Structures are given as C-alpha cells and as structure tokens.
Amino acid sequence: MTVHNETTTAKFMETIRKIKSYEEALGLLYWDLRTGAPRKGMDTRSEVIGVLSGDMFKLSTSPELGEYLNELEQPAAQEQLSEIERKLVSETRKDYDRSVKIPPKLYQEYVVLSSQAESKWEEAKANNDYASFQPYLEKVIDYTQQFIDLWGPKATRYDTLLDQYEPGMTTAELDRVFGGLREQLVPLASAIAASPHQPDTSFLGQKYDKQAQKAFSLFILNQMGYNFEAGRLDESVHPFATGLNPGDVRITTRYLEDDVTSALFGTIHEGGHALYEQNLMPELIGTTLCTGTSMGIHESQSRFWENVIGRSKPFWEQYFGKLQEKFPGQLDVSVEDFYRGINVVEPSLIRIEADELTYNLHIIIRYEIEKMIFNEGAKAADLPQIWNDKYKEYLGIEPPSNAEGVLQDVHWSGGAFGYFPSYSLGNMYAAQIADTMERELDGFWNLVGRGELLPIKEWLTERIYKFGKLKSPSELIQDVTGKPLDPQHLVTYLERKYKDIYKL
C-alpha cells in the first residue's frame, strides 16, 4: 500500500470512529430521555441532541470524507483494503450520497423536532389527546416529504423511505408479499374463529405483582444468554433496545399489572434484538458496520426469540413451573392450557400485544396508511379516521380511543416511516431461519424443551449476529438458508402451529 493510501485509510477510519462516537453519545441521551429523564429538562435535552446530531451530520457529509471515499474507491486502493474496510467504504458511500443532499441546518431542525415530537407523543398517548400531537406529526411528515424531494424519489415516494430500513425493498415487492400473506392468513383466521376448540384465557385476567414479573423477565434473559455485564433492563412506555456497542446493549420493557404476558414477551422480544447487538464480531467495533444489517433481519431475531421459541410448547414445558413459582396460586392450569392460552388468536387493538397470526394484519394496516401519506397525500388530520376504518375492515374492531388507535406506536413521532414493514419481514425471515435451524441444529426442539438455549444463541451468532452489516439482508438470508426470502415458510409455520392448537 502506498504511504498516501495508508494515510487516507487512517484518516477515513478516524472519521468513522468519530461518527460512531457521536452515535453512541446520542444513543445514551435518547435512552435516558425515554427511561425517566426529568420532564422539565426535555426541551433543553432535545436541543442538545439537535446540536450533537448536527455536528455528527456535518462530519458525515464533510468534503474531506467525500475526498477519502473518492481515493479509497480507486481500484489500486481497493486491492490494499481489508474486507471490512472495503465494505465500510461502500456503506459509507451510500450514506454519504444520501446525506450530502440534506442541508445541515434542515437536518438539525428535524432532529430537534422529532425529539420533541416523541416527548409530545408520550403525553398525548397518556391523555388520549391526538389534537395536541397532530401539529408535531404534520411537521414530521412535512420534513420527511422535503427529504424525499432532496434524495430524489424512487419508483414511488414511499420506496425512498423503505430503502432506509430494508435496503432494496420496494412497494411492488411488499404488495406482492403482503397480498399473498393476507390471502392465506385471513381464511386461516376465519377457520380458527369458527373452531369449537377455543383456548381458555380466563386465568390470565388477574393482577400480577410487578416485582415478580421483573424477576421472571431477568431470569429468562439470563437463560437466553443475554449478558448483564454488557447490558441492563429498565422500564419505559414502549419497549425498546439500544445498542451503544457490543459491551453496552440496553433493553426496556413495560410491566402491566393485569397482564402477565405483556412484559414477558416484550422482554424476550427486546432480548432478541440485544443478543444480535451483543454478539457482533469485535473487529467491527468502532465502525458503522457494528450493528444489524437491516431492520427486517433485526426484527427476525426479536420475533424468533419471542414467538418461535418463547411461545412454543417445549419452552413452556421447561419454564412454566418456574413462572408458577413467581405467582403462587395464580396460574393454576396445566402447561397445555397455558400454552394454548398465550397463543389464542383474536382480533386486538394493540399491535405489540397481538397474536402471531393477526400481528401481520396490524403491520399491513400501517404499511397501507404510510403509503397513503407519501404516495397519495393523506393528511395528519385524517389519520385517526383512516386508522379506525382500516381496523374495522381488517380486524373487525374499532378503537374506542385514539390512545388505543393511531397514538399507540412511537414510530411516526420519530419520523420512522417505512419501518413497520420490517416487523412482518422479520416474521418471514424468522420462520425461514427456524426451518433451517430445525434441520441443521441437532435436536433443536429437545434443546428448547430442556432449557438449553445457549447452543441456539451460538448457532445464530455464527450464522447471523457476528457479521453485523458485512452482509446485506438478501446475502445473509441466502447464506443462512440457501435461498432468497420465501414468505411461504411463515404461512407453513403458522398453519402447523394453529391447526394443532385449534384442532382444525
């Protein structure tokens, strides 16, 4: 390598480390904001986040970084770079070309706005007050529309947003995939509703001590292999995971006194995200490749642990006794009845508490509304009604309040339009990965039934986690399963599971 190239590589890597340091500091500020920072400090905190984000943005769009990329993209320089450095150059180029089109002042204003909007959303949800949140949402949508214009719209305006969370994904592909899912899942849901073998869920409707819920959440995270020396569990309005670096990956959950399953499955879900972030290869630390390859692949891990493992019969054959010990005299049912009870299929209002089958309909509703906003010009003022109409059409129920309707998710307040489809993509990836694991990991379900979850974590680390962003989502799913994403795996998994539960 020429001295010049060595110097350029060193300067490039130093810039990347700085960007990553800003990211980590901002991640910590956001985590604090969502887990109990004093309310009076929120506006000032939003301004601080705006300043630091603005500095990070300037760094990531600086002419110097552009020059380093130009030099390191030359064939002679490429030959001298390691695999990680080459991938870092190509990923940084993608981000650079996107970000350089956004004026720094506009970006900083947007960060301050979205941080304030998240805090306003929390208040609005608590008070069932959509009107107070609407002006913030209008502004967030307006900024996002400006960004689409600056980036240059793809086949549709919404495609431009999808690409941020699931590189290469399009509305044409999602329409096809979601259309196929809906066609097969709606008749299955109808057959389930008509079955005389409905699970009993009455035992779930009790008051469950929050401290006991927390103790069991911590126990299950340990069983999954979550490393508490590299993380912690806190409480928040909406469960989330924050990966600062593999040595500091924090998760939150939400404890409901009248629902023993909400915090439990929320914790397992976020634990799945955290296992991904804790087990990235050390060589990626300090680079922007040190994270999951896409939101769809990330969600595949949270959904895999929450549903494929956490809602399976072998899992509860092992752990139900331990749960009963935490709530003496309260869960006086058989493990079979508990398993059927936590897998009941019924239309519900709240996405994060939906069963595995109807969950995908919640996502399709949000996907269709986001398409309406960006491709058809739907306005923030109209969203509560559009939301309620779609819930009536797809799930046969209507939210009694906006808090249980259009205000239930945090995503839009933070401008995360295009994120929701990744949840259903995650379900599809998870089913396909589970199918491969069943065949490749000897005695997979026996391991689950014995509570030996660490070999499963190790398999996922070797096949998925450690690579971070070194592989694209399509490369990863091809390498792990030997074929591209095939939604039929999810349908097969759901049919097999629910036909057994409902004796169809």
Protein backbone atom coordinates (compact mmCIF):
# COMPACT_ATOMS: atom_id res chain seq x y z
CA MET A 1 0.00 0.00 0.00
CA THR A 2 1.29 3.46 -0.81
CA VAL A 3 2.02 5.79 2.09
CA HIS A 4 -0.63 8.11 0.69
CA ASN A 5 -3.27 5.39 0.75
CA GLU A 6 -2.25 4.34 4.24
CA THR A 7 -2.70 7.92 5.40
CA THR A 8 -6.07 8.22 3.65
CA THR A 9 -7.25 4.93 5.18
CA ALA A 10 -6.15 6.08 8.64
CA LYS A 11 -7.92 9.43 8.25
CA PHE A 12 -11.04 7.71 6.88
CA MET A 13 -11.11 5.25 9.80
CA GLU A 14 -10.59 8.09 12.29
CA THR A 15 -13.60 9.97 10.82
CA ILE A 16 -15.73 6.81 11.01
CA ARG A 17 -14.74 6.31 14.66
CA LYS A 18 -15.74 9.91 15.42
CA ILE A 19 -19.14 9.44 13.75
CA LYS A 20 -19.62 6.23 15.72
CA SER A 21 -18.69 8.05 18.95
CA TYR A 22 -21.34 10.70 18.29
CA GLU A 23 -23.85 7.91 17.57
CA GLU A 24 -23.06 6.26 20.90
CA ALA A 25 -23.37 9.52 22.86
CA LEU A 26 -26.69 10.30 21.17
CA GLY A 27 -27.92 6.76 21.81
CA LEU A 28 -27.27 7.26 25.51
CA LEU A 29 -29.07 10.63 25.56
CA TYR A 30 -32.11 9.11 23.81
CA TRP A 31 -32.13 6.14 26.18
CA ASP A 32 -32.10 8.49 29.18
CA LEU A 33 -34.86 10.64 27.65
CA ARG A 34 -37.13 7.57 27.29
CA THR A 35 -36.38 5.98 30.67
CA GLY A 36 -37.15 8.67 33.19
CA ALA A 37 -35.27 11.89 32.47
CA PRO A 38 -37.00 14.78 34.34
CA ARG A 39 -39.84 16.18 32.20
CA LYS A 40 -38.74 19.78 32.75
CA GLY A 41 -35.43 19.09 31.06
CA MET A 42 -36.88 17.56 27.93
CA ASP A 43 -36.94 20.61 25.68
CA THR A 44 -33.36 21.51 26.55
CA ARG A 45 -32.31 17.88 26.10
CA SER A 46 -33.90 17.92 22.64
CA GLU A 47 -31.82 21.00 21.77
CA VAL A 48 -28.62 19.26 22.99
CA ILE A 49 -29.49 16.20 20.89
CA GLY A 50 -30.04 18.57 17.95
CA VAL A 51 -26.61 20.21 18.35
CA LEU A 52 -24.72 16.90 18.64
CA SER A 53 -26.71 15.38 15.75
CA GLY A 54 -25.91 18.45 13.67
CA ASP A 55 -22.19 18.06 14.38
CA MET A 56 -22.34 14.35 13.54
CA PHE A 57 -24.21 15.14 10.34
CA LYS A 58 -21.61 17.74 9.30
CA LEU A 59 -18.88 15.17 9.89
CA SER A 60 -20.68 12.53 7.85
CA THR A 61 -21.22 14.92 4.92
CA SER A 62 -17.86 16.75 5.08
CA PRO A 63 -15.93 17.40 1.84
CA GLU A 64 -12.94 15.65 3.48
CA LEU A 65 -14.92 12.42 3.90
CA GLY A 66 -16.00 12.70 0.26
CA GLU A 67 -12.32 13.00 -0.79
CA TYR A 68 -11.30 9.97 1.31
CA LEU A 69 -14.08 7.93 -0.33
CA ASN A 70 -13.03 9.05 -3.83
CA GLU A 71 -9.45 7.93 -3.16
CA LEU A 72 -10.33 4.66 -1.44
CA GLU A 73 -12.73 3.68 -4.24
CA GLN A 74 -9.87 3.60 -6.77
CA PRO A 75 -9.05 0.01 -7.90
CA ALA A 76 -5.44 0.20 -6.62
CA ALA A 77 -6.60 1.39 -3.18
CA GLN A 78 -9.37 -1.24 -3.05
CA GLU A 79 -6.83 -4.02 -3.52
CA GLN A 80 -4.97 -2.88 -0.40
CA LEU A 81 -8.04 -2.68 1.86
CA SER A 82 -9.29 -5.47 4.13
CA GLU A 83 -12.77 -6.94 3.60
CA ILE A 84 -14.13 -4.88 6.48
CA GLU A 85 -12.55 -1.67 5.16
CA ARG A 86 -13.92 -2.28 1.63
CA LYS A 87 -17.44 -2.86 2.97
CA LEU A 88 -17.11 0.22 5.19
CA VAL A 89 -16.17 2.33 2.16
CA SER A 90 -19.17 1.10 0.12
CA GLU A 91 -21.65 1.52 3.02
CA THR A 92 -20.26 4.97 3.88
CA ARG A 93 -20.58 5.98 0.23
CA LYS A 94 -24.28 5.04 0.24
CA ASP A 95 -24.92 7.05 3.43
CA TYR A 96 -22.75 9.95 2.22
CA ASP A 97 -24.56 10.28 -1.12
CA ARG A 98 -27.91 10.31 0.69
CA SER A 99 -26.94 12.69 3.49
CA VAL A 100 -24.96 15.20 1.42
CA LYS A 101 -28.22 16.17 -0.30
CA ILE A 102 -29.71 17.38 3.01
CA PRO A 103 -28.71 20.89 4.21
CA PRO A 104 -27.18 20.56 7.74
CA LYS A 105 -29.47 23.26 9.17
CA LEU A 106 -32.57 21.40 7.91
CA TYR A 107 -31.30 18.15 9.41
CA GLN A 108 -30.61 19.73 12.81
CA GLU A 109 -34.08 21.34 12.89
CA TYR A 110 -35.59 17.95 12.08
CA VAL A 111 -33.70 16.17 14.88
CA VAL A 112 -34.86 18.74 17.45
CA LEU A 113 -38.43 18.45 16.15
CA SER A 114 -38.52 14.63 16.20
CA SER A 115 -37.06 14.53 19.71
CA GLN A 116 -39.73 16.99 20.92
CA ALA A 117 -42.41 15.10 18.98
CA GLU A 118 -41.54 11.85 20.78
CA SER A 119 -41.99 13.55 24.16
CA LYS A 120 -45.28 15.14 23.00
CA TRP A 121 -46.43 11.74 21.72
CA GLU A 122 -45.86 10.24 25.18
CA GLU A 123 -48.05 12.94 26.75
CA ALA A 124 -50.69 12.74 24.01
CA LYS A 125 -50.95 8.97 24.35
CA ALA A 126 -51.26 9.18 28.15
CA ASN A 127 -54.01 11.83 27.82
CA ASN A 128 -55.74 10.42 24.72
CA ASP A 129 -55.16 13.82 23.09
CA TYR A 130 -54.41 13.45 19.37
CA ALA A 131 -55.08 17.15 18.75
CA SER A 132 -52.03 18.16 20.83
CA PHE A 133 -49.79 15.77 18.88
CA GLN A 134 -51.17 16.46 15.39
CA PRO A 135 -49.16 19.69 14.71
CA TYR A 136 -45.92 17.83 15.53
CA LEU A 137 -46.84 14.92 13.28
CA GLU A 138 -47.73 17.35 10.47
CA LYS A 139 -44.25 18.87 10.74
CA VAL A 140 -42.51 15.48 10.87
CA ILE A 141 -44.37 14.41 7.70
CA ASP A 142 -43.52 17.73 6.04
CA TYR A 143 -39.78 17.36 6.78
CA THR A 144 -39.86 13.75 5.54
CA GLN A 145 -41.50 14.92 2.28
CA GLN A 146 -38.73 17.51 1.89
CA PHE A 147 -36.09 14.81 2.42
CA ILE A 148 -37.69 12.59 -0.25
CA ASP A 149 -37.54 15.52 -2.71
CA LEU A 150 -33.87 16.13 -1.87
CA TRP A 151 -32.91 12.44 -2.11
CA GLY A 152 -34.86 12.02 -5.33
CA PRO A 153 -37.95 9.78 -5.23
CA LYS A 154 -37.53 6.16 -6.32
CA ALA A 155 -40.32 4.24 -8.17
CA THR A 156 -42.73 5.70 -5.58
CA ARG A 157 -42.06 8.28 -2.88
CA TYR A 158 -42.61 5.63 -0.22
CA ASP A 159 -39.97 3.35 -1.80
CA THR A 160 -37.41 6.00 -0.88
CA LEU A 161 -38.27 5.53 2.80
CA LEU A 162 -38.47 1.72 2.70
CA ASP A 163 -34.93 1.54 1.37
CA GLN A 164 -33.55 3.10 4.58
CA TYR A 165 -34.74 0.21 6.74
CA GLU A 166 -34.65 -2.70 4.30
CA PRO A 167 -32.17 -1.95 1.52
CA GLY A 168 -33.60 -2.87 -1.89
CA MET A 169 -37.18 -3.36 -0.66
CA THR A 170 -39.96 -1.82 -2.79
CA THR A 171 -43.72 -1.29 -2.51
CA ALA A 172 -44.15 -3.56 -5.56
CA GLU A 173 -42.42 -6.41 -3.69
CA LEU A 174 -44.28 -5.70 -0.43
CA ASP A 175 -47.65 -5.52 -2.20
CA ARG A 176 -46.92 -8.98 -3.64
CA VAL A 177 -45.69 -10.48 -0.36
CA PHE A 178 -48.36 -8.88 1.86
CA GLY A 179 -51.09 -9.69 -0.68
CA GLY A 180 -50.08 -13.37 -0.60
CA LEU A 181 -49.95 -13.38 3.20
CA ARG A 182 -53.38 -11.77 3.53
CA GLU A 183 -54.92 -14.26 1.07
CA GLN A 184 -53.69 -17.24 3.10
CA LEU A 185 -53.94 -15.89 6.66
CA VAL A 186 -57.48 -14.44 6.51
CA PRO A 187 -59.11 -17.86 5.74
CA LEU A 188 -56.96 -19.45 8.48
CA ALA A 189 -58.10 -16.78 10.95
CA SER A 190 -61.74 -17.43 9.92
CA ALA A 191 -61.37 -21.20 10.44
CA ILE A 192 -59.84 -20.51 13.86
CA ALA A 193 -62.70 -18.18 14.84
CA ALA A 194 -65.21 -20.89 13.86
CA SER A 195 -63.42 -23.68 15.74
CA PRO A 196 -65.29 -25.10 18.76
CA HIS A 197 -61.89 -25.68 20.43
CA GLN A 198 -61.22 -22.16 21.72
CA PRO A 199 -58.44 -21.86 24.35
CA ASP A 200 -59.44 -20.68 27.83
CA THR A 201 -57.72 -17.40 28.72
CA SER A 202 -59.70 -16.54 31.87
CA PHE A 203 -56.75 -17.44 34.13
CA LEU A 204 -54.70 -14.63 32.53
CA GLY A 205 -57.11 -11.92 33.74
CA GLN A 206 -55.65 -11.36 37.22
CA LYS A 207 -53.39 -8.88 38.99
CA TYR A 208 -49.74 -9.91 38.71
CA ASP A 209 -47.11 -8.43 41.01
CA LYS A 210 -44.74 -6.17 39.04
CA GLN A 211 -41.64 -7.16 41.01
CA ALA A 212 -42.35 -10.85 40.36
CA GLN A 213 -42.80 -10.05 36.64
CA LYS A 214 -39.47 -8.25 36.66
CA ALA A 215 -37.71 -11.14 38.41
CA PHE A 216 -39.01 -13.61 35.83
CA SER A 217 -38.03 -11.28 32.95
CA LEU A 218 -34.47 -11.12 34.30
CA PHE A 219 -34.40 -14.91 34.71
CA ILE A 220 -35.48 -15.57 31.10
CA LEU A 221 -32.97 -13.05 29.72
CA ASN A 222 -30.24 -14.96 31.57
CA GLN A 223 -31.47 -18.22 30.08
CA MET A 224 -31.31 -16.73 26.56
CA GLY A 225 -27.67 -15.77 27.09
CA TYR A 226 -28.19 -12.02 27.45
CA ASN A 227 -25.03 -10.70 29.09
CA PHE A 228 -25.90 -8.42 32.03
CA GLU A 229 -22.29 -7.28 32.25
CA ALA A 230 -22.92 -5.77 28.82
CA GLY A 231 -26.48 -4.57 29.36
CA ARG A 232 -29.38 -3.76 31.67
CA LEU A 233 -33.17 -3.96 31.82
CA ASP A 234 -35.24 -0.82 32.50
CA GLU A 235 -38.87 0.27 32.22
CA SER A 236 -40.36 2.55 29.54
CA VAL A 237 -43.72 3.45 27.96
CA HIS A 238 -42.81 1.48 24.82
CA PRO A 239 -40.28 -1.41 24.99
CA PHE A 240 -37.06 -0.80 23.02
CA ALA A 241 -33.43 -1.87 22.70
CA THR A 242 -30.42 0.45 22.43
CA GLY A 243 -27.13 -0.98 21.18
CA LEU A 244 -24.40 1.51 22.05
CA ASN A 245 -21.64 -1.04 21.38
CA PRO A 246 -21.43 -4.83 21.96
CA GLY A 247 -20.34 -4.14 25.55
CA ASP A 248 -23.36 -1.90 26.30
CA VAL A 249 -26.71 -3.05 24.90
CA ARG A 250 -29.68 -1.90 27.00
CA ILE A 251 -33.28 -3.02 26.82
CA THR A 252 -36.53 -1.78 28.30
CA THR A 253 -39.92 -3.38 28.88
CA ARG A 254 -43.36 -2.33 30.12
CA TYR A 255 -44.99 -4.04 33.13
CA LEU A 256 -48.80 -4.22 33.20
CA GLU A 257 -50.32 -5.41 36.49
CA ASP A 258 -53.29 -7.03 34.75
CA ASP A 259 -51.27 -8.88 32.09
CA VAL A 260 -48.51 -11.34 32.92
CA THR A 261 -47.60 -11.88 29.27
CA SER A 262 -47.05 -8.28 28.04
CA ALA A 263 -43.77 -7.59 29.83
CA LEU A 264 -42.64 -11.19 29.44
CA PHE A 265 -42.92 -11.30 25.65
CA GLY A 266 -41.83 -7.66 25.33
CA THR A 267 -38.66 -8.54 27.26
CA ILE A 268 -37.95 -11.65 25.19
CA HIS A 269 -38.54 -9.62 22.01
CA GLU A 270 -36.11 -6.87 23.01
CA GLY A 271 -33.73 -9.55 24.30
CA GLY A 272 -33.62 -10.96 20.76
CA HIS A 273 -32.54 -7.56 19.43
CA ALA A 274 -29.95 -7.33 22.21
CA LEU A 275 -28.40 -10.75 21.53
CA TYR A 276 -27.76 -9.59 17.96
CA GLU A 277 -26.01 -6.40 19.11
CA GLN A 278 -24.03 -8.06 21.92
CA ASN A 279 -22.58 -10.72 19.62
CA LEU A 280 -21.17 -8.68 16.74
CA MET A 281 -17.57 -9.56 15.89
CA PRO A 282 -15.01 -7.44 17.82
CA GLU A 283 -13.34 -6.35 14.54
CA LEU A 284 -16.44 -4.24 13.74
CA ILE A 285 -16.37 -2.23 16.99
CA GLY A 286 -15.86 1.48 16.39
CA THR A 287 -17.20 1.25 12.82
CA THR A 288 -20.63 1.92 11.38
CA LEU A 289 -20.82 -1.78 10.40
CA CYS A 290 -21.18 -2.63 14.09
CA THR A 291 -24.97 -3.11 14.02
CA GLY A 292 -27.62 -5.32 12.43
CA THR A 293 -27.70 -5.46 8.63
CA SER A 294 -31.32 -4.25 8.33
CA MET A 295 -34.39 -3.70 10.45
CA GLY A 296 -36.06 -6.75 8.86
CA ILE A 297 -33.17 -9.02 9.88
CA HIS A 298 -33.08 -7.34 13.30
CA GLU A 299 -36.81 -7.97 13.76
CA SER A 300 -36.31 -11.58 12.64
CA GLN A 301 -34.25 -12.09 15.77
CA SER A 302 -36.67 -10.42 18.17
CA ARG A 303 -39.62 -12.24 16.61
CA PHE A 304 -37.72 -15.57 16.52
CA TRP A 305 -36.99 -15.43 20.25
CA GLU A 306 -40.40 -14.02 21.21
CA ASN A 307 -42.58 -16.29 19.07
CA VAL A 308 -40.79 -19.30 17.60
CA ILE A 309 -39.04 -20.01 20.92
CA GLY A 310 -40.98 -18.05 23.58
CA ARG A 311 -44.48 -19.08 22.51
CA SER A 312 -43.58 -22.72 21.79
CA LYS A 313 -44.84 -25.72 23.76
CA PRO A 314 -41.34 -27.14 24.53
CA PHE A 315 -40.30 -23.75 26.00
CA TRP A 316 -43.20 -23.76 28.46
CA GLU A 317 -42.81 -27.43 29.30
CA GLN A 318 -39.46 -26.31 30.69
CA TYR A 319 -40.32 -22.91 32.18
CA PHE A 320 -43.99 -22.95 33.22
CA GLY A 321 -43.21 -24.36 36.66
CA LYS A 322 -40.73 -21.52 37.24
CA LEU A 323 -43.38 -18.96 36.24
CA GLN A 324 -45.93 -20.55 38.61
CA GLU A 325 -43.42 -20.25 41.47
CA LYS A 326 -43.29 -16.47 40.93
CA PHE A 327 -47.11 -16.19 41.19
CA PRO A 328 -48.19 -18.75 43.79
CA GLY A 329 -51.81 -19.87 43.46
CA GLN A 330 -52.44 -17.69 40.39
CA LEU A 331 -51.55 -19.83 37.38
CA ASP A 332 -53.36 -22.96 38.46
CA VAL A 333 -53.70 -24.53 34.98
CA SER A 334 -51.88 -27.22 33.01
CA VAL A 335 -48.91 -26.32 30.83
CA GLU A 336 -51.01 -27.32 27.79
CA ASP A 337 -53.76 -24.87 28.78
CA PHE A 338 -51.20 -22.13 29.42
CA TYR A 339 -49.56 -22.76 26.02
CA ARG A 340 -52.93 -22.59 24.26
CA GLY A 341 -53.97 -19.53 26.29
CA ILE A 342 -50.90 -17.46 25.33
CA ASN A 343 -51.38 -18.44 21.67
CA VAL A 344 -55.05 -17.52 21.41
CA VAL A 345 -55.94 -15.87 18.09
CA GLU A 346 -58.35 -12.96 18.32
CA PRO A 347 -58.51 -9.54 16.73
CA SER A 348 -56.99 -6.96 19.08
CA LEU A 349 -56.37 -3.22 19.07
CA ILE A 350 -52.73 -3.13 20.20
CA ARG A 351 -50.01 -4.26 17.80
CA ILE A 352 -47.39 -5.21 20.40
CA GLU A 353 -49.91 -7.44 22.18
CA ALA A 354 -51.32 -9.06 19.03
CA ASP A 355 -51.10 -12.79 18.44
CA GLU A 356 -48.67 -14.09 15.82
CA LEU A 357 -51.34 -14.57 13.17
CA THR A 358 -53.21 -11.26 13.29
CA TYR A 359 -49.98 -9.33 14.03
CA ASN A 360 -49.22 -9.22 10.32
CA LEU A 361 -52.60 -7.53 9.67
CA HIS A 362 -51.61 -4.76 12.11
CA ILE A 363 -48.46 -4.23 10.03
CA ILE A 364 -50.32 -4.27 6.71
CA ILE A 365 -52.67 -1.56 8.06
CA ARG A 366 -49.71 0.69 8.98
CA TYR A 367 -47.98 -0.03 5.68
CA GLU A 368 -51.09 0.97 3.73
CA ILE A 369 -51.53 4.18 5.77
CA GLU A 370 -47.87 5.15 5.24
CA LYS A 371 -48.26 4.58 1.50
CA MET A 372 -51.36 6.83 1.59
CA ILE A 373 -49.41 9.60 3.36
CA PHE A 374 -46.45 9.64 0.97
CA ASN A 375 -47.88 8.39 -2.31
CA GLU A 376 -51.42 9.82 -2.08
CA GLY A 377 -51.05 12.86 0.19
CA ALA A 378 -53.16 11.71 3.17
CA LYS A 379 -53.08 14.38 5.90
CA ALA A 380 -52.27 14.02 9.62
CA ALA A 381 -55.77 15.33 10.47
CA ASP A 382 -57.34 12.39 8.61
CA LEU A 383 -55.21 9.62 10.13
CA PRO A 384 -57.39 8.76 13.17
CA GLN A 385 -60.39 8.08 10.90
CA ILE A 386 -58.35 6.20 8.28
CA TRP A 387 -56.81 4.12 11.08
CA ASN A 388 -60.19 3.26 12.63
CA ASP A 389 -61.70 2.37 9.24
CA LYS A 390 -58.85 0.00 8.41
CA TYR A 391 -59.06 -1.72 11.80
CA LYS A 392 -62.75 -2.27 11.18
CA GLU A 393 -62.08 -3.64 7.69
CA TYR A 394 -59.14 -5.96 8.51
CA LEU A 395 -59.76 -6.95 12.13
CA GLY A 396 -63.46 -6.29 12.59
CA ILE A 397 -62.91 -4.00 15.59
CA GLU A 398 -62.80 -0.25 16.08
CA PRO A 399 -60.54 1.54 18.59
CA PRO A 400 -62.63 3.24 21.32
CA SER A 401 -59.97 5.96 21.66
CA ASN A 402 -57.01 7.41 19.76
CA ALA A 403 -54.71 6.24 22.59
CA GLU A 404 -55.57 2.67 21.58
CA GLY A 405 -55.67 3.65 17.91
CA VAL A 406 -53.48 5.99 15.94
CA LEU A 407 -51.44 7.07 19.01
CA GLN A 408 -50.38 3.60 20.12
CA ASP A 409 -46.94 3.49 18.43
CA VAL A 410 -43.95 5.79 18.92
CA HIS A 411 -42.56 5.32 15.37
CA TRP A 412 -44.20 8.19 13.48
CA SER A 413 -43.25 10.77 16.13
CA GLY A 414 -39.59 9.95 15.45
CA GLY A 415 -40.09 10.03 11.67
CA ALA A 416 -39.60 6.26 11.27
CA PHE A 417 -41.84 5.98 8.21
CA GLY A 418 -41.03 2.80 6.30
CA TYR A 419 -40.02 0.91 9.45
CA PHE A 420 -43.25 -1.01 10.14
CA PRO A 421 -42.98 -3.46 7.21
CA SER A 422 -39.71 -4.72 8.71
CA TYR A 423 -41.72 -6.37 11.52
CA SER A 424 -43.60 -8.62 9.09
CA LEU A 425 -40.45 -9.16 7.04
CA GLY A 426 -38.88 -10.17 10.36
CA ASN A 427 -41.62 -12.78 10.89
CA MET A 428 -40.93 -14.17 7.41
CA TYR A 429 -37.15 -14.25 7.88
CA ALA A 430 -37.62 -15.83 11.34
CA ALA A 431 -39.78 -18.66 10.00
CA GLN A 432 -37.29 -19.37 7.21
CA ILE A 433 -34.32 -19.30 9.61
CA ALA A 434 -36.19 -21.56 12.08
CA ASP A 435 -36.88 -24.04 9.27
CA THR A 436 -33.13 -24.23 8.53
CA MET A 437 -32.23 -24.44 12.22
CA GLU A 438 -34.64 -27.35 12.79
CA ARG A 439 -32.76 -29.29 10.12
CA GLU A 440 -29.20 -28.21 10.97
CA LEU A 441 -29.10 -27.95 14.76
CA ASP A 442 -29.32 -31.48 16.10
CA GLY A 443 -32.29 -31.95 18.45
CA PHE A 444 -33.34 -28.28 18.19
CA TRP A 445 -36.70 -28.68 19.97
CA ASN A 446 -35.19 -31.03 22.57
CA LEU A 447 -32.72 -28.25 23.44
CA VAL A 448 -35.61 -25.80 23.89
CA GLY A 449 -37.51 -28.35 25.99
CA ARG A 450 -34.51 -28.78 28.30
CA GLY A 451 -33.95 -25.03 28.62
CA GLU A 452 -30.62 -25.30 26.79
CA LEU A 453 -30.92 -22.08 24.82
CA LEU A 454 -27.22 -21.21 24.57
CA PRO A 455 -26.47 -23.56 21.61
CA ILE A 456 -29.27 -21.76 19.75
CA LYS A 457 -27.69 -18.39 20.54
CA GLU A 458 -24.29 -19.73 19.40
CA TRP A 459 -25.72 -21.00 16.09
CA LEU A 460 -27.32 -17.59 15.45
CA THR A 461 -24.07 -15.83 16.40
CA GLU A 462 -22.04 -17.88 13.93
CA ARG A 463 -24.58 -17.60 11.09
CA ILE A 464 -26.06 -14.12 11.60
CA TYR A 465 -25.05 -11.96 14.56
CA LYS A 466 -21.29 -11.71 14.20
CA PHE A 467 -21.41 -10.37 10.62
CA GLY A 468 -23.15 -7.09 11.51
CA LYS A 469 -23.52 -5.11 8.29
CA LEU A 470 -20.83 -7.06 6.43
CA LYS A 471 -23.57 -8.89 4.52
CA SER A 472 -26.72 -7.38 3.01
CA PRO A 473 -30.11 -8.81 4.11
CA SER A 474 -30.51 -10.74 0.85
CA GLU A 475 -26.95 -12.14 1.04
CA LEU A 476 -27.47 -13.14 4.66
CA ILE A 477 -30.77 -14.99 4.18
CA GLN A 478 -29.31 -16.73 1.10
CA ASP A 479 -26.17 -17.79 3.03
CA VAL A 480 -28.10 -18.97 6.11
CA THR A 481 -30.98 -20.80 4.41
CA GLY A 482 -29.66 -21.47 0.90
CA LYS A 483 -32.41 -19.45 -0.82
CA PRO A 484 -33.95 -15.97 -1.05
CA LEU A 485 -36.77 -14.81 1.25
CA ASP A 486 -39.83 -17.02 0.80
CA PRO A 487 -42.98 -15.91 2.73
CA GLN A 488 -44.44 -19.40 2.39
CA HIS A 489 -42.30 -20.53 5.35
CA LEU A 490 -44.27 -18.19 7.62
CA VAL A 491 -47.62 -19.48 6.34
CA THR A 492 -46.49 -23.11 6.81
CA TYR A 493 -45.26 -22.37 10.35
CA LEU A 494 -48.50 -20.60 11.34
CA GLU A 495 -50.72 -23.29 9.79
CA ARG A 496 -48.84 -26.11 11.51
CA LYS A 497 -48.94 -24.38 14.90
CA TYR A 498 -52.51 -23.10 14.91
CA LYS A 499 -54.16 -26.11 13.31
CA ASP A 500 -52.78 -28.08 16.26
CA ILE A 501 -53.89 -25.53 18.88
CA TYR A 502 -57.41 -25.16 17.43
CA LYS A 503 -57.70 -28.84 16.36
CA LEU A 504 -58.51 -27.89 12.76
